[in-house]
Amino acid sequence: MPDDTFDWLETDYIGELLHEHYADRDPMRIGFVELKKLVMALPGFKERPGHVVNEKILEHIQAAWIEQRQGGRKSEDEE
């Protein structure tokens, strides 16, 4: 991105960053309230007006993080 920021809609990128910044955390054991806080604390995160976070976005972020943790492999359910 030109200004090195990202927002809620970049779920795959957020999953990568969470994997890098919180490698010691298990994404399967993190609730959405905590996940939201972790994302908002990432360097470069900036909420875009009109693009609020919801449960579906958080689910996608969590799934992307889980995929990163598994080495980029999609789960059997996603294939």
C-alpha atoms as a PDB file:
ATOM      1  CA  MET A   1       0.000   0.000   0.000  1.00  0.00           C
ATOM      2  CA  PRO A   2       1.274   3.484  -0.720  1.00  0.00           C
ATOM      3  CA  ASP A   3       1.090   4.726   2.861  1.00  0.00           C
ATOM      4  CA  ASP A   4       2.078   1.408   4.501  1.00  0.00           C
ATOM      5  CA  THR A   5      -1.231   1.089   6.320  1.00  0.00           C
ATOM      6  CA  PHE A   6      -3.896  -1.593   6.129  1.00  0.00           C
ATOM      7  CA  ASP A   7      -7.439  -2.039   7.387  1.00  0.00           C
ATOM      8  CA  TRP A   8      -9.916  -4.743   8.395  1.00  0.00           C
ATOM      9  CA  LEU A   9     -10.560  -5.858   4.822  1.00  0.00           C
ATOM     10  CA  GLU A  10      -7.034  -7.173   4.306  1.00  0.00           C
ATOM     11  CA  THR A  11      -7.694 -10.360   6.239  1.00  0.00           C
ATOM     12  CA  ASP A  12      -4.970 -12.534   4.695  1.00  0.00           C
ATOM     13  CA  TYR A  13      -2.302  -9.892   5.284  1.00  0.00           C
ATOM     14  CA  ILE A  14      -3.489  -9.444   8.869  1.00  0.00           C
ATOM     15  CA  GLY A  15      -3.256 -13.221   9.357  1.00  0.00           C
ATOM     16  CA  GLU A  16       0.372 -13.115   8.195  1.00  0.00           C
ATOM     17  CA  LEU A  17       1.189 -10.235  10.533  1.00  0.00           C
ATOM     18  CA  LEU A  18      -0.473 -11.914  13.495  1.00  0.00           C
ATOM     19  CA  HIS A  19       1.570 -15.030  12.788  1.00  0.00           C
ATOM     20  CA  GLU A  20       4.770 -12.961  12.733  1.00  0.00           C
ATOM     21  CA  HIS A  21       4.015 -10.761  15.745  1.00  0.00           C
ATOM     22  CA  TYR A  22       2.303 -13.329  17.978  1.00  0.00           C
ATOM     23  CA  ALA A  23       4.030 -16.599  17.052  1.00  0.00           C
ATOM     24  CA  ASP A  24       3.725 -17.796  20.637  1.00  0.00           C
ATOM     25  CA  ARG A  25      -0.075 -17.383  20.672  1.00  0.00           C
ATOM     26  CA  ASP A  26      -2.550 -20.063  19.590  1.00  0.00           C
ATOM     27  CA  PRO A  27      -5.151 -18.466  17.288  1.00  0.00           C
ATOM     28  CA  MET A  28      -7.600 -21.275  18.094  1.00  0.00           C
ATOM     29  CA  ARG A  29      -7.671 -20.148  21.729  1.00  0.00           C
ATOM     30  CA  ILE A  30      -8.243 -16.450  21.179  1.00  0.00           C
ATOM     31  CA  GLY A  31     -11.701 -14.922  21.353  1.00  0.00           C
ATOM     32  CA  PHE A  32     -12.882 -12.202  19.009  1.00  0.00           C
ATOM     33  CA  VAL A  33     -12.576  -9.398  21.583  1.00  0.00           C
ATOM     34  CA  GLU A  34      -8.911 -10.222  22.147  1.00  0.00           C
ATOM     35  CA  LEU A  35      -8.321 -10.806  18.429  1.00  0.00           C
ATOM     36  CA  LYS A  36      -9.692  -7.348  17.656  1.00  0.00           C
ATOM     37  CA  LYS A  37      -7.306  -5.805  20.200  1.00  0.00           C
ATOM     38  CA  LEU A  38      -4.326  -7.706  18.763  1.00  0.00           C
ATOM     39  CA  VAL A  39      -5.122  -6.550  15.229  1.00  0.00           C
ATOM     40  CA  MET A  40      -5.588  -2.944  16.301  1.00  0.00           C
ATOM     41  CA  ALA A  41      -2.162  -3.069  17.999  1.00  0.00           C
ATOM     42  CA  LEU A  42      -0.363  -4.181  14.823  1.00  0.00           C
ATOM     43  CA  PRO A  43       1.993  -1.580  13.353  1.00  0.00           C
ATOM     44  CA  GLY A  44       0.383   0.062  10.333  1.00  0.00           C
ATOM     45  CA  PHE A  45      -3.188  -0.883  11.178  1.00  0.00           C
ATOM     46  CA  LYS A  46      -5.625   1.939  10.510  1.00  0.00           C
ATOM     47  CA  GLU A  47      -9.395   1.691  10.505  1.00  0.00           C
ATOM     48  CA  ARG A  48     -10.931   3.068   7.340  1.00  0.00           C
ATOM     49  CA  PRO A  49     -14.110   5.138   7.774  1.00  0.00           C
ATOM     50  CA  GLY A  50     -17.138   3.084   6.845  1.00  0.00           C
ATOM     51  CA  HIS A  51     -15.339  -0.254   7.208  1.00  0.00           C
ATOM     52  CA  VAL A  52     -16.069  -1.381  10.722  1.00  0.00           C
ATOM     53  CA  VAL A  53     -15.111  -4.822  11.914  1.00  0.00           C
ATOM     54  CA  ASN A  54     -17.715  -7.533  12.393  1.00  0.00           C
ATOM     55  CA  GLU A  55     -17.721 -11.189  13.402  1.00  0.00           C
ATOM     56  CA  LYS A  56     -17.387 -12.424   9.808  1.00  0.00           C
ATOM     57  CA  ILE A  57     -14.238 -10.354   9.239  1.00  0.00           C
ATOM     58  CA  LEU A  58     -12.754 -11.579  12.521  1.00  0.00           C
ATOM     59  CA  GLU A  59     -13.525 -15.173  11.491  1.00  0.00           C
ATOM     60  CA  HIS A  60     -11.630 -14.647   8.223  1.00  0.00           C
ATOM     61  CA  ILE A  61      -8.689 -13.104  10.065  1.00  0.00           C
ATOM     62  CA  GLN A  62      -8.589 -15.974  12.537  1.00  0.00           C
ATOM     63  CA  ALA A  63      -8.749 -18.530   9.701  1.00  0.00           C
ATOM     64  CA  ALA A  64      -5.907 -16.763   7.863  1.00  0.00           C
ATOM     65  CA  TRP A  65      -3.811 -16.794  11.045  1.00  0.00           C
ATOM     66  CA  ILE A  66      -4.511 -20.489  11.589  1.00  0.00           C
ATOM     67  CA  GLU A  67      -3.525 -21.197   7.984  1.00  0.00           C
ATOM     68  CA  GLN A  68      -0.251 -19.308   8.459  1.00  0.00           C
ATOM     69  CA  ARG A  69       0.449 -21.240  11.635  1.00  0.00           C
ATOM     70  CA  GLN A  70      -0.054 -24.499   9.742  1.00  0.00           C
ATOM     71  CA  GLY A  71       2.523 -23.439   7.190  1.00  0.00           C
ATOM     72  CA  GLY A  72       0.131 -22.016   4.641  1.00  0.00           C
ATOM     73  CA  ARG A  73      -1.834 -25.257   4.277  1.00  0.00           C
ATOM     74  CA  LYS A  74      -5.606 -25.001   3.998  1.00  0.00           C
ATOM     75  CA  SER A  75      -7.582 -27.251   6.286  1.00  0.00           C
ATOM     76  CA  GLU A  76      -9.413 -30.227   4.796  1.00  0.00           C
ATOM     77  CA  ASP A  77     -12.722 -28.370   5.226  1.00  0.00           C
ATOM     78  CA  GLU A  78     -11.518 -25.564   2.942  1.00  0.00           C
ATOM     79  CA  GLU A  79     -10.284 -27.770   0.086  1.00  0.00           C
END
